[in-house]
Amino acid sequence: MILVSAKFKAKPGMREKVVEISRHAVECTRKEKGNISYTLYKSSDDEETLMYFEEWTDIESLRAHLKTQHILDAREARKEMLAAPVEVKVFESKEVAL
């Protein structure tokens, strides 16, 4: 399984606009092949920070996701609304018995 965290900060007063732009991308992504979960979280610590947490069956599905039109459109629409570049971390995991 592939896990992704993508943390980003909206410019002051822009968080809700960024969330609105992201809604369509979230809906479309959840229907993609290989997607297990895809959720946008708002920080409880400050008004500008948001984070995507994603689960994918494999890296090929994630790579295909990054080329979809809804993701390209969302990135373009929100690029002027972000205070800094998105911080992305990608992890590969495997299930283990406890």
PDB file of N, CA and C in Angstrom:
ATOM      1  N   MET A   1       0.852  -1.172   0.000  1.00  0.00           N
ATOM      2  CA  MET A   1       0.000   0.000   0.000  1.00  0.00           C
ATOM      3  C   MET A   1       0.898   1.235   0.000  1.00  0.00           C
ATOM      4  N   ILE A   2       0.446   2.263  -0.671  1.00  0.00           N
ATOM      5  CA  ILE A   2       1.140   3.545  -0.733  1.00  0.00           C
ATOM      6  C   ILE A   2       0.347   4.554   0.090  1.00  0.00           C
ATOM      7  N   LEU A   3       1.028   5.255   0.974  1.00  0.00           N
ATOM      8  CA  LEU A   3       0.420   6.296   1.808  1.00  0.00           C
ATOM      9  C   LEU A   3       1.024   7.638   1.406  1.00  0.00           C
ATOM     10  N   VAL A   4       0.179   8.653   1.329  1.00  0.00           N
ATOM     11  CA  VAL A   4       0.640   9.991   0.945  1.00  0.00           C
ATOM     12  C   VAL A   4       0.083  11.013   1.922  1.00  0.00           C
ATOM     13  N   SER A   5       0.959  11.912   2.369  1.00  0.00           N
ATOM     14  CA  SER A   5       0.489  13.094   3.093  1.00  0.00           C
ATOM     15  C   SER A   5       0.949  14.308   2.291  1.00  0.00           C
ATOM     16  N   ALA A   6       0.033  15.210   2.048  1.00  0.00           N
ATOM     17  CA  ALA A   6       0.333  16.425   1.300  1.00  0.00           C
ATOM     18  C   ALA A   6      -0.171  17.604   2.125  1.00  0.00           C
ATOM     19  N   LYS A   7       0.751  18.299   2.745  1.00  0.00           N
ATOM     20  CA  LYS A   7       0.421  19.408   3.643  1.00  0.00           C
ATOM     21  C   LYS A   7       0.653  20.724   2.919  1.00  0.00           C
ATOM     22  N   PHE A   8      -0.298  21.649   3.073  1.00  0.00           N
ATOM     23  CA  PHE A   8      -0.133  22.947   2.433  1.00  0.00           C
ATOM     24  C   PHE A   8      -0.825  24.034   3.245  1.00  0.00           C
ATOM     25  N   LYS A   9      -0.421  25.264   2.953  1.00  0.00           N
ATOM     26  CA  LYS A   9      -0.922  26.410   3.702  1.00  0.00           C
ATOM     27  C   LYS A   9      -1.540  27.414   2.740  1.00  0.00           C
ATOM     28  N   ALA A  10      -2.787  27.747   2.983  1.00  0.00           N
ATOM     29  CA  ALA A  10      -3.466  28.758   2.178  1.00  0.00           C
ATOM     30  C   ALA A  10      -3.031  30.145   2.632  1.00  0.00           C
ATOM     31  N   LYS A  11      -3.086  31.088   1.715  1.00  0.00           N
ATOM     32  CA  LYS A  11      -2.843  32.478   2.103  1.00  0.00           C
ATOM     33  C   LYS A  11      -3.968  32.906   3.039  1.00  0.00           C
ATOM     34  N   PRO A  12      -3.714  33.887   3.903  1.00  0.00           N
ATOM     35  CA  PRO A  12      -4.756  34.333   4.837  1.00  0.00           C
ATOM     36  C   PRO A  12      -6.071  34.643   4.114  1.00  0.00           C
ATOM     37  N   GLY A  13      -7.145  34.093   4.661  1.00  0.00           N
ATOM     38  CA  GLY A  13      -8.471  34.324   4.118  1.00  0.00           C
ATOM     39  C   GLY A  13      -8.836  33.478   2.914  1.00  0.00           C
ATOM     40  N   MET A  14      -7.952  32.593   2.477  1.00  0.00           N
ATOM     41  CA  MET A  14      -8.184  31.804   1.262  1.00  0.00           C
ATOM     42  C   MET A  14      -8.524  30.338   1.535  1.00  0.00           C
ATOM     43  N   ARG A  15      -8.512  29.915   2.781  1.00  0.00           N
ATOM     44  CA  ARG A  15      -8.691  28.493   3.080  1.00  0.00           C
ATOM     45  C   ARG A  15      -9.990  27.931   2.508  1.00  0.00           C
ATOM     46  N   GLU A  16     -11.096  28.607   2.690  1.00  0.00           N
ATOM     47  CA  GLU A  16     -12.377  28.071   2.215  1.00  0.00           C
ATOM     48  C   GLU A  16     -12.434  27.990   0.694  1.00  0.00           C
ATOM     49  N   LYS A  17     -11.784  28.922   0.009  1.00  0.00           N
ATOM     50  CA  LYS A  17     -11.730  28.852  -1.453  1.00  0.00           C
ATOM     51  C   LYS A  17     -10.900  27.653  -1.902  1.00  0.00           C
ATOM     52  N   VAL A  18      -9.803  27.396  -1.206  1.00  0.00           N
ATOM     53  CA  VAL A  18      -8.973  26.229  -1.519  1.00  0.00           C
ATOM     54  C   VAL A  18      -9.769  24.946  -1.275  1.00  0.00           C
ATOM     55  N   VAL A  19     -10.504  24.900  -0.176  1.00  0.00           N
ATOM     56  CA  VAL A  19     -11.333  23.730   0.130  1.00  0.00           C
ATOM     57  C   VAL A  19     -12.382  23.522  -0.961  1.00  0.00           C
ATOM     58  N   GLU A  20     -13.016  24.580  -1.387  1.00  0.00           N
ATOM     59  CA  GLU A  20     -14.044  24.467  -2.422  1.00  0.00           C
ATOM     60  C   GLU A  20     -13.456  23.935  -3.734  1.00  0.00           C
ATOM     61  N   ILE A  21     -12.303  24.428  -4.121  1.00  0.00           N
ATOM     62  CA  ILE A  21     -11.627  23.939  -5.330  1.00  0.00           C
ATOM     63  C   ILE A  21     -11.298  22.460  -5.189  1.00  0.00           C
ATOM     64  N   SER A  22     -10.919  22.057  -4.000  1.00  0.00           N
ATOM     65  CA  SER A  22     -10.489  20.682  -3.751  1.00  0.00           C
ATOM     66  C   SER A  22     -11.641  19.682  -3.740  1.00  0.00           C
ATOM     67  N   ARG A  23     -12.849  20.119  -3.476  1.00  0.00           N
ATOM     68  CA  ARG A  23     -13.989  19.188  -3.369  1.00  0.00           C
ATOM     69  C   ARG A  23     -14.189  18.349  -4.621  1.00  0.00           C
ATOM     70  N   HIS A  24     -14.140  18.967  -5.777  1.00  0.00           N
ATOM     71  CA  HIS A  24     -14.319  18.226  -7.024  1.00  0.00           C
ATOM     72  C   HIS A  24     -13.195  17.195  -7.195  1.00  0.00           C
ATOM     73  N   ALA A  25     -11.968  17.597  -6.911  1.00  0.00           N
ATOM     74  CA  ALA A  25     -10.830  16.682  -7.033  1.00  0.00           C
ATOM     75  C   ALA A  25     -10.982  15.488  -6.089  1.00  0.00           C
ATOM     76  N   VAL A  26     -11.463  15.734  -4.888  1.00  0.00           N
ATOM     77  CA  VAL A  26     -11.672  14.649  -3.923  1.00  0.00           C
ATOM     78  C   VAL A  26     -12.723  13.670  -4.449  1.00  0.00           C
ATOM     79  N   GLU A  27     -13.844  14.184  -4.921  1.00  0.00           N
ATOM     80  CA  GLU A  27     -14.910  13.323  -5.454  1.00  0.00           C
ATOM     81  C   GLU A  27     -14.417  12.463  -6.608  1.00  0.00           C
ATOM     82  N   CYS A  28     -13.700  13.071  -7.538  1.00  0.00           N
ATOM     83  CA  CYS A  28     -13.192  12.328  -8.698  1.00  0.00           C
ATOM     84  C   CYS A  28     -12.135  11.312  -8.292  1.00  0.00           C
ATOM     85  N   THR A  29     -11.244  11.697  -7.412  1.00  0.00           N
ATOM     86  CA  THR A  29     -10.155  10.816  -7.004  1.00  0.00           C
ATOM     87  C   THR A  29     -10.671   9.567  -6.316  1.00  0.00           C
ATOM     88  N   ARG A  30     -11.690   9.694  -5.505  1.00  0.00           N
ATOM     89  CA  ARG A  30     -12.236   8.536  -4.800  1.00  0.00           C
ATOM     90  C   ARG A  30     -12.778   7.468  -5.743  1.00  0.00           C
ATOM     91  N   LYS A  31     -13.016   7.819  -7.002  1.00  0.00           N
ATOM     92  CA  LYS A  31     -13.513   6.874  -8.006  1.00  0.00           C
ATOM     93  C   LYS A  31     -12.384   6.262  -8.846  1.00  0.00           C
ATOM     94  N   GLU A  32     -11.165   6.731  -8.643  1.00  0.00           N
ATOM     95  CA  GLU A  32     -10.047   6.263  -9.458  1.00  0.00           C
ATOM     96  C   GLU A  32      -9.627   4.842  -9.104  1.00  0.00           C
ATOM     97  N   LYS A  33      -9.155   4.146 -10.118  1.00  0.00           N
ATOM     98  CA  LYS A  33      -8.608   2.803  -9.925  1.00  0.00           C
ATOM     99  C   LYS A  33      -7.421   2.889  -8.963  1.00  0.00           C
ATOM    100  N   GLY A  34      -7.408   2.028  -7.973  1.00  0.00           N
ATOM    101  CA  GLY A  34      -6.290   1.966  -7.043  1.00  0.00           C
ATOM    102  C   GLY A  34      -6.418   2.875  -5.830  1.00  0.00           C
ATOM    103  N   ASN A  35      -7.419   3.738  -5.803  1.00  0.00           N
ATOM    104  CA  ASN A  35      -7.588   4.603  -4.646  1.00  0.00           C
ATOM    105  C   ASN A  35      -8.330   3.857  -3.542  1.00  0.00           C
ATOM    106  N   ILE A  36      -7.770   3.899  -2.353  1.00  0.00           N
ATOM    107  CA  ILE A  36      -8.399   3.299  -1.174  1.00  0.00           C
ATOM    108  C   ILE A  36      -9.100   4.384  -0.362  1.00  0.00           C
ATOM    109  N   SER A  37      -8.395   5.486  -0.154  1.00  0.00           N
ATOM    110  CA  SER A  37      -9.005   6.631   0.535  1.00  0.00           C
ATOM    111  C   SER A  37      -8.291   7.904   0.111  1.00  0.00           C
ATOM    112  N   TYR A  38      -9.030   9.010   0.198  1.00  0.00           N
ATOM    113  CA  TYR A  38      -8.494  10.314  -0.208  1.00  0.00           C
ATOM    114  C   TYR A  38      -9.298  11.359   0.552  1.00  0.00           C
ATOM    115  N   THR A  39      -8.677  11.971   1.548  1.00  0.00           N
ATOM    116  CA  THR A  39      -9.397  12.873   2.439  1.00  0.00           C
ATOM    117  C   THR A  39      -8.628  14.168   2.630  1.00  0.00           C
ATOM    118  N   LEU A  40      -9.351  15.269   2.634  1.00  0.00           N
ATOM    119  CA  LEU A  40      -8.779  16.578   2.909  1.00  0.00           C
ATOM    120  C   LEU A  40      -9.135  16.959   4.339  1.00  0.00           C
ATOM    121  N   TYR A  41      -8.126  17.312   5.118  1.00  0.00           N
ATOM    122  CA  TYR A  41      -8.316  17.707   6.513  1.00  0.00           C
ATOM    123  C   TYR A  41      -7.958  19.174   6.704  1.00  0.00           C
ATOM    124  N   LYS A  42      -8.719  19.841   7.548  1.00  0.00           N
ATOM    125  CA  LYS A  42      -8.411  21.207   7.960  1.00  0.00           C
ATOM    126  C   LYS A  42      -7.711  21.132   9.311  1.00  0.00           C
ATOM    127  N   SER A  43      -6.678  21.926   9.486  1.00  0.00           N
ATOM    128  CA  SER A  43      -5.954  21.944  10.751  1.00  0.00           C
ATOM    129  C   SER A  43      -6.828  22.507  11.864  1.00  0.00           C
ATOM    130  N   SER A  44      -6.695  21.941  13.031  1.00  0.00           N
ATOM    131  CA  SER A  44      -7.386  22.495  14.193  1.00  0.00           C
ATOM    132  C   SER A  44      -6.504  23.521  14.903  1.00  0.00           C
ATOM    133  N   ASP A  45      -5.241  23.629  14.469  1.00  0.00           N
ATOM    134  CA  ASP A  45      -4.298  24.550  15.100  1.00  0.00           C
ATOM    135  C   ASP A  45      -4.277  25.937  14.488  1.00  0.00           C
ATOM    136  N   ASP A  46      -4.536  26.010  13.172  1.00  0.00           N
ATOM    137  CA  ASP A  46      -4.547  27.327  12.540  1.00  0.00           C
ATOM    138  C   ASP A  46      -5.507  27.320  11.355  1.00  0.00           C
ATOM    139  N   GLU A  47      -5.876  28.479  10.912  1.00  0.00           N
ATOM    140  CA  GLU A  47      -6.898  28.641   9.873  1.00  0.00           C
ATOM    141  C   GLU A  47      -6.404  28.385   8.455  1.00  0.00           C
ATOM    142  N   GLU A  48      -5.103  28.344   8.236  1.00  0.00           N
ATOM    143  CA  GLU A  48      -4.599  28.255   6.879  1.00  0.00           C
ATOM    144  C   GLU A  48      -4.099  26.875   6.461  1.00  0.00           C
ATOM    145  N   THR A  49      -3.758  26.017   7.412  1.00  0.00           N
ATOM    146  CA  THR A  49      -3.139  24.739   7.076  1.00  0.00           C
ATOM    147  C   THR A  49      -4.170  23.668   6.752  1.00  0.00           C
ATOM    148  N   LEU A  50      -3.897  22.945   5.674  1.00  0.00           N
ATOM    149  CA  LEU A  50      -4.719  21.819   5.235  1.00  0.00           C
ATOM    150  C   LEU A  50      -3.804  20.648   4.912  1.00  0.00           C
ATOM    151  N   MET A  51      -4.382  19.437   4.858  1.00  0.00           N
ATOM    152  CA  MET A  51      -3.592  18.268   4.515  1.00  0.00           C
ATOM    153  C   MET A  51      -4.462  17.222   3.830  1.00  0.00           C
ATOM    154  N   TYR A  52      -3.938  16.673   2.751  1.00  0.00           N
ATOM    155  CA  TYR A  52      -4.531  15.492   2.146  1.00  0.00           C
ATOM    156  C   TYR A  52      -3.863  14.276   2.776  1.00  0.00           C
ATOM    157  N   PHE A  53      -4.655  13.266   3.078  1.00  0.00           N
ATOM    158  CA  PHE A  53      -4.108  11.969   3.456  1.00  0.00           C
ATOM    159  C   PHE A  53      -4.701  10.976   2.473  1.00  0.00           C
ATOM    160  N   GLU A  54      -3.837  10.226   1.811  1.00  0.00           N
ATOM    161  CA  GLU A  54      -4.256   9.344   0.729  1.00  0.00           C
ATOM    162  C   GLU A  54      -3.724   7.929   0.950  1.00  0.00           C
ATOM    163  N   GLU A  55      -4.519   6.945   0.500  1.00  0.00           N
ATOM    164  CA  GLU A  55      -4.083   5.560   0.491  1.00  0.00           C
ATOM    165  C   GLU A  55      -4.326   5.007  -0.912  1.00  0.00           C
ATOM    166  N   TRP A  56      -3.309   4.356  -1.451  1.00  0.00           N
ATOM    167  CA  TRP A  56      -3.355   3.792  -2.808  1.00  0.00           C
ATOM    168  C   TRP A  56      -2.905   2.341  -2.771  1.00  0.00           C
ATOM    169  N   THR A  57      -3.449   1.542  -3.667  1.00  0.00           N
ATOM    170  CA  THR A  57      -3.058   0.139  -3.717  1.00  0.00           C
ATOM    171  C   THR A  57      -1.628  -0.034  -4.204  1.00  0.00           C
ATOM    172  N   ASP A  58      -1.176   0.859  -5.098  1.00  0.00           N
ATOM    173  CA  ASP A  58       0.155   0.714  -5.687  1.00  0.00           C
ATOM    174  C   ASP A  58       0.640   2.057  -6.232  1.00  0.00           C
ATOM    175  N   ILE A  59       1.924   2.130  -6.474  1.00  0.00           N
ATOM    176  CA  ILE A  59       2.550   3.377  -6.935  1.00  0.00           C
ATOM    177  C   ILE A  59       2.090   3.756  -8.342  1.00  0.00           C
ATOM    178  N   GLU A  60       1.787   2.781  -9.177  1.00  0.00           N
ATOM    179  CA  GLU A  60       1.324   3.077 -10.538  1.00  0.00           C
ATOM    180  C   GLU A  60      -0.004   3.833 -10.504  1.00  0.00           C
ATOM    181  N   SER A  61      -0.888   3.448  -9.591  1.00  0.00           N
ATOM    182  CA  SER A  61      -2.172   4.150  -9.456  1.00  0.00           C
ATOM    183  C   SER A  61      -1.956   5.587  -9.002  1.00  0.00           C
ATOM    184  N   LEU A  62      -1.042   5.787  -8.075  1.00  0.00           N
ATOM    185  CA  LEU A  62      -0.733   7.145  -7.615  1.00  0.00           C
ATOM    186  C   LEU A  62      -0.152   7.972  -8.752  1.00  0.00           C
ATOM    187  N   ARG A  63       0.752   7.405  -9.507  1.00  0.00           N
ATOM    188  CA  ARG A  63       1.345   8.140 -10.637  1.00  0.00           C
ATOM    189  C   ARG A  63       0.280   8.515 -11.673  1.00  0.00           C
ATOM    190  N   ALA A  64      -0.643   7.602 -11.949  1.00  0.00           N
ATOM    191  CA  ALA A  64      -1.732   7.900 -12.887  1.00  0.00           C
ATOM    192  C   ALA A  64      -2.616   9.019 -12.335  1.00  0.00           C
ATOM    193  N   HIS A  65      -2.874   8.990 -11.045  1.00  0.00           N
ATOM    194  CA  HIS A  65      -3.687  10.013 -10.382  1.00  0.00           C
ATOM    195  C   HIS A  65      -3.091  11.410 -10.586  1.00  0.00           C
ATOM    196  N   LEU A  66      -1.789  11.511 -10.470  1.00  0.00           N
ATOM    197  CA  LEU A  66      -1.124  12.811 -10.582  1.00  0.00           C
ATOM    198  C   LEU A  66      -1.246  13.423 -11.975  1.00  0.00           C
ATOM    199  N   LYS A  67      -1.615  12.613 -12.966  1.00  0.00           N
ATOM    200  CA  LYS A  67      -1.762  13.089 -14.345  1.00  0.00           C
ATOM    201  C   LYS A  67      -3.217  13.331 -14.738  1.00  0.00           C
ATOM    202  N   THR A  68      -4.161  13.086 -13.824  1.00  0.00           N
ATOM    203  CA  THR A  68      -5.576  13.257 -14.169  1.00  0.00           C
ATOM    204  C   THR A  68      -5.926  14.739 -14.332  1.00  0.00           C
ATOM    205  N   GLN A  69      -6.925  14.988 -15.164  1.00  0.00           N
ATOM    206  CA  GLN A  69      -7.318  16.373 -15.429  1.00  0.00           C
ATOM    207  C   GLN A  69      -7.832  17.077 -14.180  1.00  0.00           C
ATOM    208  N   HIS A  70      -8.578  16.375 -13.323  1.00  0.00           N
ATOM    209  CA  HIS A  70      -9.110  17.040 -12.126  1.00  0.00           C
ATOM    210  C   HIS A  70      -8.002  17.459 -11.161  1.00  0.00           C
ATOM    211  N   ILE A  71      -6.923  16.718 -11.103  1.00  0.00           N
ATOM    212  CA  ILE A  71      -5.796  17.111 -10.239  1.00  0.00           C
ATOM    213  C   ILE A  71      -5.029  18.260 -10.879  1.00  0.00           C
ATOM    214  N   LEU A  72      -4.780  18.186 -12.163  1.00  0.00           N
ATOM    215  CA  LEU A  72      -4.091  19.287 -12.851  1.00  0.00           C
ATOM    216  C   LEU A  72      -4.900  20.577 -12.744  1.00  0.00           C
ATOM    217  N   ASP A  73      -6.213  20.490 -12.903  1.00  0.00           N
ATOM    218  CA  ASP A  73      -7.083  21.669 -12.799  1.00  0.00           C
ATOM    219  C   ASP A  73      -7.065  22.251 -11.381  1.00  0.00           C
ATOM    220  N   ALA A  74      -7.141  21.380 -10.373  1.00  0.00           N
ATOM    221  CA  ALA A  74      -7.151  21.850  -8.978  1.00  0.00           C
ATOM    222  C   ALA A  74      -5.828  22.540  -8.635  1.00  0.00           C
ATOM    223  N   ARG A  75      -4.733  21.963  -9.060  1.00  0.00           N
ATOM    224  CA  ARG A  75      -3.424  22.590  -8.805  1.00  0.00           C
ATOM    225  C   ARG A  75      -3.348  23.980  -9.429  1.00  0.00           C
ATOM    226  N   GLU A  76      -3.785  24.071 -10.658  1.00  0.00           N
ATOM    227  CA  GLU A  76      -3.735  25.356 -11.363  1.00  0.00           C
ATOM    228  C   GLU A  76      -4.640  26.384 -10.686  1.00  0.00           C
ATOM    229  N   ALA A  77      -5.838  25.975 -10.309  1.00  0.00           N
ATOM    230  CA  ALA A  77      -6.808  26.900  -9.721  1.00  0.00           C
ATOM    231  C   ALA A  77      -6.372  27.435  -8.363  1.00  0.00           C
ATOM    232  N   ARG A  78      -5.676  26.635  -7.598  1.00  0.00           N
ATOM    233  CA  ARG A  78      -5.321  27.075  -6.249  1.00  0.00           C
ATOM    234  C   ARG A  78      -3.884  27.588  -6.106  1.00  0.00           C
ATOM    235  N   LYS A  79      -3.099  27.553  -7.178  1.00  0.00           N
ATOM    236  CA  LYS A  79      -1.683  27.891  -7.030  1.00  0.00           C
ATOM    237  C   LYS A  79      -1.443  29.307  -6.500  1.00  0.00           C
ATOM    238  N   GLU A  80      -2.266  30.270  -6.872  1.00  0.00           N
ATOM    239  CA  GLU A  80      -2.096  31.641  -6.384  1.00  0.00           C
ATOM    240  C   GLU A  80      -2.672  31.831  -4.979  1.00  0.00           C
ATOM    241  N   MET A  81      -3.367  30.813  -4.476  1.00  0.00           N
ATOM    242  CA  MET A  81      -3.992  30.895  -3.153  1.00  0.00           C
ATOM    243  C   MET A  81      -3.138  30.281  -2.053  1.00  0.00           C
ATOM    244  N   LEU A  82      -2.024  29.647  -2.425  1.00  0.00           N
ATOM    245  CA  LEU A  82      -1.177  28.987  -1.440  1.00  0.00           C
ATOM    246  C   LEU A  82      -0.019  29.877  -1.018  1.00  0.00           C
ATOM    247  N   ALA A  83       0.311  29.808   0.262  1.00  0.00           N
ATOM    248  CA  ALA A  83       1.380  30.639   0.815  1.00  0.00           C
ATOM    249  C   ALA A  83       2.761  30.044   0.578  1.00  0.00           C
ATOM    250  N   ALA A  84       2.832  28.744   0.313  1.00  0.00           N
ATOM    251  CA  ALA A  84       4.111  28.057   0.129  1.00  0.00           C
ATOM    252  C   ALA A  84       3.862  26.790  -0.698  1.00  0.00           C
ATOM    253  N   PRO A  85       4.929  26.198  -1.212  1.00  0.00           N
ATOM    254  CA  PRO A  85       4.761  24.942  -1.958  1.00  0.00           C
ATOM    255  C   PRO A  85       4.179  23.835  -1.072  1.00  0.00           C
ATOM    256  N   VAL A  86       3.496  22.897  -1.688  1.00  0.00           N
ATOM    257  CA  VAL A  86       2.915  21.756  -0.990  1.00  0.00           C
ATOM    258  C   VAL A  86       4.040  20.828  -0.538  1.00  0.00           C
ATOM    259  N   GLU A  87       3.961  20.372   0.711  1.00  0.00           N
ATOM    260  CA  GLU A  87       4.937  19.425   1.255  1.00  0.00           C
ATOM    261  C   GLU A  87       4.357  18.016   1.124  1.00  0.00           C
ATOM    262  N   VAL A  88       4.932  17.220   0.236  1.00  0.00           N
ATOM    263  CA  VAL A  88       4.407  15.883  -0.029  1.00  0.00           C
ATOM    264  C   VAL A  88       5.369  14.821   0.499  1.00  0.00           C
ATOM    265  N   LYS A  89       4.808  13.840   1.198  1.00  0.00           N
ATOM    266  CA  LYS A  89       5.579  12.687   1.667  1.00  0.00           C
ATOM    267  C   LYS A  89       4.853  11.436   1.188  1.00  0.00           C
ATOM    268  N   VAL A  90       5.608  10.518   0.599  1.00  0.00           N
ATOM    269  CA  VAL A  90       5.052   9.273   0.079  1.00  0.00           C
ATOM    270  C   VAL A  90       5.737   8.117   0.794  1.00  0.00           C
ATOM    271  N   PHE A  91       4.916   7.191   1.288  1.00  0.00           N
ATOM    272  CA  PHE A  91       5.428   6.050   2.039  1.00  0.00           C
ATOM    273  C   PHE A  91       4.894   4.760   1.432  1.00  0.00           C
ATOM    274  N   GLU A  92       5.706   3.717   1.469  1.00  0.00           N
ATOM    275  CA  GLU A  92       5.230   2.393   1.094  1.00  0.00           C
ATOM    276  C   GLU A  92       5.099   1.592   2.376  1.00  0.00           C
ATOM    277  N   SER A  93       3.963   0.911   2.528  1.00  0.00           N
ATOM    278  CA  SER A  93       3.742   0.150   3.755  1.00  0.00           C
ATOM    279  C   SER A  93       3.349  -1.272   3.422  1.00  0.00           C
ATOM    280  N   LYS A  94       3.458  -2.122   4.391  1.00  0.00           N
ATOM    281  CA  LYS A  94       2.978  -3.482   4.244  1.00  0.00           C
ATOM    282  C   LYS A  94       2.327  -3.881   5.565  1.00  0.00           C
ATOM    283  N   GLU A  95       1.370  -4.745   5.456  1.00  0.00           N
ATOM    284  CA  GLU A  95       0.646  -5.199   6.629  1.00  0.00           C
ATOM    285  C   GLU A  95       1.508  -6.192   7.404  1.00  0.00           C
ATOM    286  N   VAL A  96       1.505  -6.038   8.717  1.00  0.00           N
ATOM    287  CA  VAL A  96       2.248  -6.952   9.580  1.00  0.00           C
ATOM    288  C   VAL A  96       1.322  -7.421  10.711  1.00  0.00           C
ATOM    289  N   ALA A  97       1.592  -8.591  11.226  1.00  0.00           N
ATOM    290  CA  ALA A  97       0.808  -9.112  12.340  1.00  0.00           C
ATOM    291  C   ALA A  97       1.362  -8.537  13.646  1.00  0.00           C
ATOM    292  N   LEU A  98       0.485  -8.249  14.565  1.00  0.00           N
ATOM    293  CA  LEU A  98       0.904  -7.725  15.876  1.00  0.00           C
ATOM    294  C   LEU A  98       0.874  -8.814  16.914  1.00  0.00           C
TER     295      LEU A  98
END
